[in-house]
Amino acid sequence: MRAVLQRVASASVTVDNEVISSISRGVMVLVGIGKDDNASDIEVLCKKILSLRVFQDEKGAWWKSNVKDIGGEVLCVSQFTLFANTSKGNKPDFHRAMASEASRDLYTTFLSKMGELYRPDRIKDGKFGAMMNVTLTNEGPVTFTLDSRKFEYIDAPTNGAGRSAKTNSDAADIPSAGGS
């Protein structure tokens, strides 16, 4: 699973000229589901979204609080185009994205897990499969890309002899942005 997380002052989703979801301060998350994603990917991504420290703490120190710490809201929007392959030609290839019905089921499970790990009333959603207009006010701007299988998509560092070098950082999560 892939996600683009943005720290927002507000965000909303409109479908057919009707606002169907809106949040105030929190995070807006575009969520893409790959064809081989499963419950393990949901667990990893949900925990990362809810624990990533992208806010100030009560003393004003940056990168100290997550969305749960500030009582923020989360707006999730399904986004199959996050799995587009654009390496050949000019037409995106979406074969890496999960098929629609299976993806809908996994996305529903993802939303349920988000509510289970946080507060269900703070988790908002767009409309799966619909043409949506997403509006947001990005604070910062602060934007992160997340991937439940990040290290499967990155070439391993080499040891100078062209062989992969295994390091402790291979298993590390997404690097912190400006602090611990």
Protein backbone atom coordinates (compact mmCIF):
# COMPACT_ATOMS: atom_id res chain seq x y z
CA MET A 1 0.00 0.00 0.00
CA ARG A 2 1.09 3.50 -0.72
CA ALA A 3 -0.03 6.77 0.72
CA VAL A 4 0.61 10.45 0.31
CA LEU A 5 0.07 12.15 3.67
CA GLN A 6 -0.34 15.93 3.93
CA ARG A 7 -0.59 17.97 7.12
CA VAL A 8 -3.64 20.18 6.64
CA ALA A 9 -5.48 23.05 8.26
CA SER A 10 -8.59 21.73 6.49
CA ALA A 11 -9.61 19.40 3.67
CA SER A 12 -12.78 18.28 1.95
CA VAL A 13 -14.10 15.96 -0.74
CA THR A 14 -16.85 16.95 -3.15
CA VAL A 15 -18.75 14.51 -5.38
CA ASP A 16 -21.38 15.72 -7.86
CA ASN A 17 -21.17 19.27 -6.44
CA GLU A 18 -21.90 18.04 -2.90
CA VAL A 19 -19.35 18.10 -0.06
CA ILE A 20 -19.42 14.54 1.27
CA SER A 21 -16.55 14.77 3.79
CA SER A 22 -14.56 17.51 5.45
CA ILE A 23 -12.04 17.85 8.24
CA SER A 24 -10.38 20.63 10.14
CA ARG A 25 -6.78 20.34 11.38
CA GLY A 26 -5.22 16.95 10.81
CA VAL A 27 -3.95 14.92 7.87
CA MET A 28 -5.30 14.23 4.41
CA VAL A 29 -4.19 10.85 3.06
CA LEU A 30 -4.35 9.58 -0.52
CA VAL A 31 -4.31 5.77 -0.32
CA GLY A 32 -3.30 3.42 -3.15
CA ILE A 33 -3.72 -0.35 -2.97
CA GLY A 34 -1.38 -2.62 -4.91
CA LYS A 35 -2.47 -5.89 -6.49
CA ASP A 36 -0.69 -8.01 -3.85
CA ASP A 37 -1.49 -5.94 -0.75
CA ASN A 38 -3.01 -7.67 2.27
CA ALA A 39 -3.88 -7.23 5.97
CA SER A 40 -0.20 -6.88 6.88
CA ASP A 41 0.10 -3.84 4.58
CA ILE A 42 -2.98 -2.31 6.19
CA GLU A 43 -1.49 -2.73 9.66
CA VAL A 44 1.84 -1.15 8.68
CA LEU A 45 0.31 1.81 6.86
CA CYS A 46 -2.36 2.57 9.48
CA LYS A 47 0.20 2.60 12.28
CA LYS A 48 2.54 4.83 10.30
CA ILE A 49 -0.19 7.32 9.35
CA LEU A 50 -1.38 7.64 12.94
CA SER A 51 2.07 7.76 14.55
CA LEU A 52 4.04 9.95 12.13
CA ARG A 53 5.05 13.08 14.05
CA VAL A 54 4.22 15.96 11.73
CA PHE A 55 2.87 18.49 14.26
CA GLN A 56 4.24 20.77 16.96
CA ASP A 57 3.96 19.72 20.59
CA GLU A 58 2.33 21.91 23.26
CA LYS A 59 5.65 23.76 23.71
CA GLY A 60 5.88 24.62 20.02
CA ALA A 61 8.64 22.14 19.17
CA TRP A 62 8.27 20.75 15.65
CA TRP A 63 8.09 17.07 14.71
CA LYS A 64 7.04 16.03 18.21
CA SER A 65 3.31 15.22 17.89
CA ASN A 66 1.21 12.95 15.70
CA VAL A 67 -2.39 13.39 14.59
CA LYS A 68 -3.67 11.45 17.61
CA ASP A 69 -1.66 13.62 20.02
CA ILE A 70 -3.34 16.79 18.75
CA GLY A 71 -6.82 15.25 18.50
CA GLY A 72 -6.72 15.89 14.75
CA GLU A 73 -8.86 14.41 12.02
CA VAL A 74 -7.90 12.13 9.13
CA LEU A 75 -9.43 12.36 5.66
CA CYS A 76 -8.69 9.27 3.54
CA VAL A 77 -9.20 9.23 -0.23
CA SER A 78 -8.75 6.10 -2.36
CA GLN A 79 -6.21 6.77 -5.11
CA PHE A 80 -5.36 3.86 -7.43
CA THR A 81 -3.13 6.12 -9.54
CA LEU A 82 -0.44 5.93 -6.82
CA PHE A 83 0.47 2.57 -8.38
CA ALA A 84 0.82 3.92 -11.92
CA ASN A 85 3.86 2.92 -13.93
CA THR A 86 4.94 5.87 -16.05
CA SER A 87 8.28 4.51 -17.22
CA LYS A 88 7.17 3.70 -20.78
CA GLY A 89 5.59 6.25 -23.05
CA ASN A 90 3.14 8.88 -21.92
CA LYS A 91 0.14 6.76 -20.96
CA PRO A 92 0.14 5.59 -17.32
CA ASP A 93 -0.09 1.83 -16.77
CA PHE A 94 -2.21 0.83 -13.75
CA HIS A 95 -1.53 -2.94 -13.75
CA ARG A 96 0.18 -2.71 -10.35
CA ALA A 97 -3.04 -1.44 -8.72
CA MET A 98 -5.47 -3.95 -7.23
CA ALA A 99 -8.67 -4.63 -9.20
CA SER A 100 -11.64 -2.50 -8.21
CA GLU A 101 -13.84 -4.88 -6.15
CA ALA A 102 -10.97 -6.47 -4.24
CA SER A 103 -9.51 -3.01 -3.68
CA ARG A 104 -12.85 -1.72 -2.36
CA ASP A 105 -12.90 -4.53 0.23
CA LEU A 106 -9.31 -3.90 1.32
CA TYR A 107 -9.92 -0.14 1.48
CA THR A 108 -12.97 -0.72 3.70
CA THR A 109 -10.80 -2.88 5.96
CA PHE A 110 -8.17 -0.12 5.99
CA LEU A 111 -10.76 2.47 7.12
CA SER A 112 -12.02 0.11 9.84
CA LYS A 113 -8.47 -0.45 11.10
CA MET A 114 -7.84 3.32 11.18
CA GLY A 115 -10.95 3.74 13.34
CA GLU A 116 -9.92 0.84 15.57
CA LEU A 117 -6.46 2.36 16.16
CA TYR A 118 -7.77 5.89 16.72
CA ARG A 119 -11.27 7.31 17.07
CA PRO A 120 -13.78 6.29 14.39
CA ASP A 121 -15.44 9.73 14.52
CA ARG A 122 -12.10 11.30 13.51
CA ILE A 123 -11.65 9.13 10.39
CA LYS A 124 -13.37 10.55 7.31
CA ASP A 125 -13.54 9.19 3.78
CA GLY A 126 -14.14 10.18 0.18
CA LYS A 127 -16.31 7.99 -2.06
CA PHE A 128 -14.54 4.93 -3.42
CA GLY A 129 -14.45 4.83 -7.22
CA ALA A 130 -16.14 8.21 -7.68
CA MET A 131 -14.79 11.23 -9.52
CA MET A 132 -13.89 13.42 -6.55
CA ASN A 133 -12.77 17.00 -6.15
CA VAL A 134 -10.38 17.17 -3.22
CA THR A 135 -9.67 20.55 -1.67
CA LEU A 136 -7.12 21.13 1.05
CA THR A 137 -5.10 23.77 2.80
CA ASN A 138 -1.68 22.20 3.30
CA GLU A 139 0.13 23.46 6.42
CA GLY A 140 3.80 24.06 5.74
CA PRO A 141 3.50 22.63 3.16
CA VAL A 142 4.24 19.26 4.74
CA THR A 143 3.85 16.19 2.54
CA PHE A 144 5.18 12.64 2.97
CA THR A 145 5.07 9.55 0.79
CA LEU A 146 4.57 6.30 2.70
CA ASP A 147 4.81 2.73 1.48
CA SER A 148 4.05 -0.41 3.46
CA ARG A 149 6.77 -2.21 1.49
CA LYS A 150 9.18 0.64 0.98
CA PHE A 151 12.31 -1.47 0.93
CA GLU A 152 10.99 -3.83 -1.72
CA TYR A 153 11.00 -0.93 -4.19
CA ILE A 154 14.41 0.55 -3.38
CA ASP A 155 17.71 -0.81 -4.64
CA ALA A 156 19.83 -2.05 -1.75
CA PRO A 157 23.08 -0.15 -1.14
CA THR A 158 26.14 -1.85 -2.59
CA ASN A 159 29.37 -2.66 -0.80
CA GLY A 160 31.57 -1.38 -3.62
CA ALA A 161 31.84 -4.79 -5.28
CA GLY A 162 28.38 -4.47 -6.81
CA ARG A 163 26.80 -6.70 -4.15
CA SER A 164 24.03 -5.65 -1.82
CA ALA A 165 25.25 -4.58 1.57
CA LYS A 166 22.92 -5.44 4.43
CA THR A 167 22.67 -2.69 7.00
CA ASN A 168 20.55 -2.02 10.06
CA SER A 169 18.96 0.87 8.17
CA ASP A 170 17.51 -1.58 5.61
CA ALA A 171 14.86 -2.50 8.15
CA ALA A 172 14.35 1.04 9.45
CA ASP A 173 11.11 2.89 8.98
CA ILE A 174 10.77 6.11 7.05
CA PRO A 175 13.51 8.51 8.19
CA SER A 176 12.52 11.26 10.61
CA ALA A 177 12.12 14.73 9.16
CA GLY A 178 14.30 16.95 11.28
CA GLY A 179 14.64 15.23 14.61
CA SER A 180 13.99 12.21 16.75
